[in-house]
Protein backbone atom coordinates (compact mmCIF):
# COMPACT_ATOMS: atom_id res chain seq x y z
CA MET A 1 0.79 -1.41 -28.48
CA ASN A 2 0.78 2.33 -27.85
CA LYS A 3 1.92 3.59 -24.50
CA LEU A 4 -0.73 5.30 -22.38
CA THR A 5 0.36 8.84 -21.55
CA ASP A 6 -1.39 12.01 -20.47
CA GLN A 7 -1.08 13.16 -24.10
CA ASN A 8 -2.93 10.26 -25.75
CA LEU A 9 -5.60 9.19 -23.28
CA PRO A 10 -8.87 8.30 -25.00
CA GLY A 11 -11.69 10.81 -24.73
CA ALA A 12 -14.77 10.14 -22.60
CA ASP A 13 -16.62 8.92 -25.70
CA GLN A 14 -14.05 6.19 -26.50
CA GLN A 15 -13.97 2.66 -25.11
CA LEU A 16 -10.94 1.97 -22.92
CA PRO A 17 -8.97 -1.28 -23.31
CA PHE A 18 -9.17 -1.72 -19.51
CA SER A 19 -11.69 -1.13 -16.75
CA ALA A 20 -9.40 0.45 -14.13
CA ILE A 21 -5.80 1.41 -13.43
CA LEU A 22 -3.70 0.18 -10.49
CA LEU A 23 -0.99 2.71 -9.70
CA ASP A 24 2.22 2.05 -7.82
CA MET A 25 3.46 5.10 -5.93
CA ASP A 26 7.03 5.03 -4.62
CA GLY A 27 9.32 5.93 -7.50
CA VAL A 28 6.39 6.23 -9.91
CA PHE A 29 4.53 9.30 -8.61
CA PHE A 30 7.07 10.55 -6.13
CA HIS A 31 10.60 10.02 -4.89
CA GLY A 32 10.93 10.94 -1.24
CA MET A 33 8.89 14.13 -0.93
CA ASN A 34 9.25 15.18 -4.57
CA PRO A 35 6.74 14.41 -7.33
CA ILE A 36 8.05 12.67 -10.43
CA ASP A 37 7.92 14.80 -13.61
CA ARG A 38 4.49 14.76 -15.30
CA ALA A 39 2.94 12.61 -12.54
CA MET A 40 0.48 15.32 -11.51
CA GLY A 41 -0.53 15.91 -15.12
CA PHE A 42 -1.07 12.19 -15.59
CA MET A 43 -3.28 12.05 -12.49
CA GLU A 44 -5.34 14.95 -13.81
CA ALA A 45 -5.65 13.16 -17.17
CA ILE A 46 -6.99 9.96 -15.59
CA ALA A 47 -9.23 11.66 -13.02
CA ASN A 48 -12.36 10.18 -14.64
CA ILE A 49 -10.94 6.68 -15.06
CA PRO A 50 -11.39 4.31 -12.08
CA HIS A 51 -8.05 3.87 -10.35
CA ALA A 52 -6.50 2.76 -7.07
CA PHE A 53 -3.09 3.19 -5.48
CA ILE A 54 -1.02 0.20 -4.44
CA THR A 55 2.33 -0.01 -2.71
CA ASN A 56 4.62 -2.79 -1.56
CA ASN A 57 5.54 -0.58 1.38
CA PRO A 58 3.94 -1.70 4.69
CA ILE A 59 5.26 1.21 6.77
CA ARG A 60 2.30 3.60 6.41
CA LEU A 61 -1.46 3.12 6.73
CA PRO A 62 -3.68 4.38 3.87
CA GLN A 63 -4.46 7.60 5.78
CA ALA A 64 -0.75 8.42 6.05
CA VAL A 65 -0.25 7.62 2.35
CA ALA A 66 -3.13 9.96 1.43
CA ASP A 67 -1.63 12.63 3.71
CA LYS A 68 1.74 12.30 1.96
CA LEU A 69 0.25 12.49 -1.54
CA GLU A 70 -1.71 15.59 -0.56
CA HIS A 71 1.36 17.18 1.09
CA ILE A 72 3.41 16.62 -2.07
CA GLY A 73 0.72 18.38 -4.11
CA PHE A 74 -1.51 15.63 -5.50
CA LYS A 75 -5.26 15.67 -5.07
CA ARG A 76 -5.95 13.68 -1.90
CA PRO A 77 -7.20 10.20 -2.81
CA ALA A 78 -9.89 8.44 -0.81
CA GLU A 79 -8.26 6.10 1.70
CA LYS A 80 -10.36 3.19 0.44
CA LEU A 81 -8.48 3.52 -2.87
CA ILE A 82 -5.09 2.92 -1.24
CA VAL A 83 -3.81 -0.62 -0.63
CA THR A 84 -0.55 -1.03 1.27
CA ALA A 85 1.44 -4.23 1.62
CA GLY A 86 0.42 -4.35 5.29
CA GLU A 87 -3.28 -4.01 4.45
CA ALA A 88 -3.07 -6.68 1.73
CA THR A 89 -1.15 -9.06 4.00
CA ALA A 90 -3.63 -8.64 6.84
CA ALA A 91 -6.63 -9.26 4.59
CA TRP A 92 -5.02 -12.32 2.97
CA LEU A 93 -4.11 -13.84 6.34
CA ALA A 94 -7.70 -13.32 7.52
CA GLN A 95 -8.86 -15.35 4.51
CA GLN A 96 -6.47 -18.13 5.48
CA LYS A 97 -7.52 -18.28 9.14
CA LEU A 98 -10.25 -16.17 10.69
CA GLY A 99 -9.17 -14.62 14.01
CA TYR A 100 -5.52 -15.53 13.50
CA SER A 101 -2.75 -14.42 15.82
CA PHE A 102 0.46 -12.91 14.52
CA PHE A 103 3.90 -11.71 15.44
CA ALA A 104 5.23 -8.94 13.22
CA VAL A 105 8.57 -7.28 12.84
CA GLY A 106 8.59 -3.87 11.20
CA ALA A 107 7.12 -0.41 11.40
CA GLU A 108 4.01 0.50 13.36
CA GLY A 109 1.85 0.72 10.22
CA LEU A 110 2.33 -3.00 9.62
CA HIS A 111 1.29 -3.81 13.20
CA GLN A 112 -1.78 -1.56 12.91
CA SER A 113 -2.83 -3.14 9.62
CA LEU A 114 -2.59 -6.65 11.05
CA SER A 115 -4.33 -5.64 14.29
CA GLN A 116 -7.48 -4.72 12.34
CA TYR A 117 -8.12 -8.46 11.91
CA CYS A 118 -6.55 -10.16 14.91
CA ASN A 119 -4.24 -9.95 17.91
CA GLU A 120 -0.49 -10.00 18.22
CA ASP A 121 0.86 -12.97 20.17
CA PRO A 122 4.65 -13.16 20.51
CA GLU A 123 4.46 -16.58 22.17
CA ASN A 124 1.99 -18.56 20.07
CA ALA A 125 1.47 -16.78 16.73
CA ASP A 126 -0.25 -18.48 13.82
CA PHE A 127 1.71 -16.30 11.40
CA VAL A 128 5.03 -14.50 11.48
CA VAL A 129 5.17 -11.37 9.32
CA VAL A 130 8.38 -9.55 8.49
CA GLY A 131 8.07 -6.05 7.10
CA GLU A 132 10.47 -3.16 7.00
CA GLY A 133 11.26 0.03 8.87
CA GLU A 134 11.62 0.69 12.56
CA GLY A 135 11.12 -2.25 14.88
CA ILE A 136 13.53 -4.66 13.25
CA ASP A 137 16.13 -5.65 15.79
CA TYR A 138 17.93 -8.74 17.07
CA ALA A 139 15.34 -9.53 19.75
CA ALA A 140 12.41 -9.34 17.31
CA ILE A 141 14.19 -11.45 14.71
CA THR A 142 15.04 -14.03 17.40
CA THR A 143 11.35 -14.19 18.37
CA ASP A 144 10.48 -14.67 14.67
CA ILE A 145 12.91 -17.53 14.33
CA ASN A 146 11.70 -19.21 17.49
CA LEU A 147 8.06 -18.99 16.38
CA ILE A 148 8.85 -20.49 13.01
């Protein structure tokens, strides 16, 4: 199978072997605040192909991810095309139990994602969610353990 690159993308008149592209970001399009070589050219090459951005990072909300991509020099993507680990977790938990309560450990973006669907309850949470970033400390981990 040929690798898909910005040099050999099919033209608009050719059938693609896929209907959309899911793009990871951290380490694929940028590292820190620096774009990865040829990432911007690749994004220009796939501009007319449906695509969405995904990340296993729950720290930022989609708006902050779009802000970062734009700041680095990429064309700003629509926020609805960005799925973070926090957003995916919150939506999945809502499918498991409507109106669930949670206790989360991790950065504020994770808490905000989860709060779109339910309320935080450090005493009687239905789900315990552990993310990454600021907010992870001994007291929070002890609460997690006690809830489990």
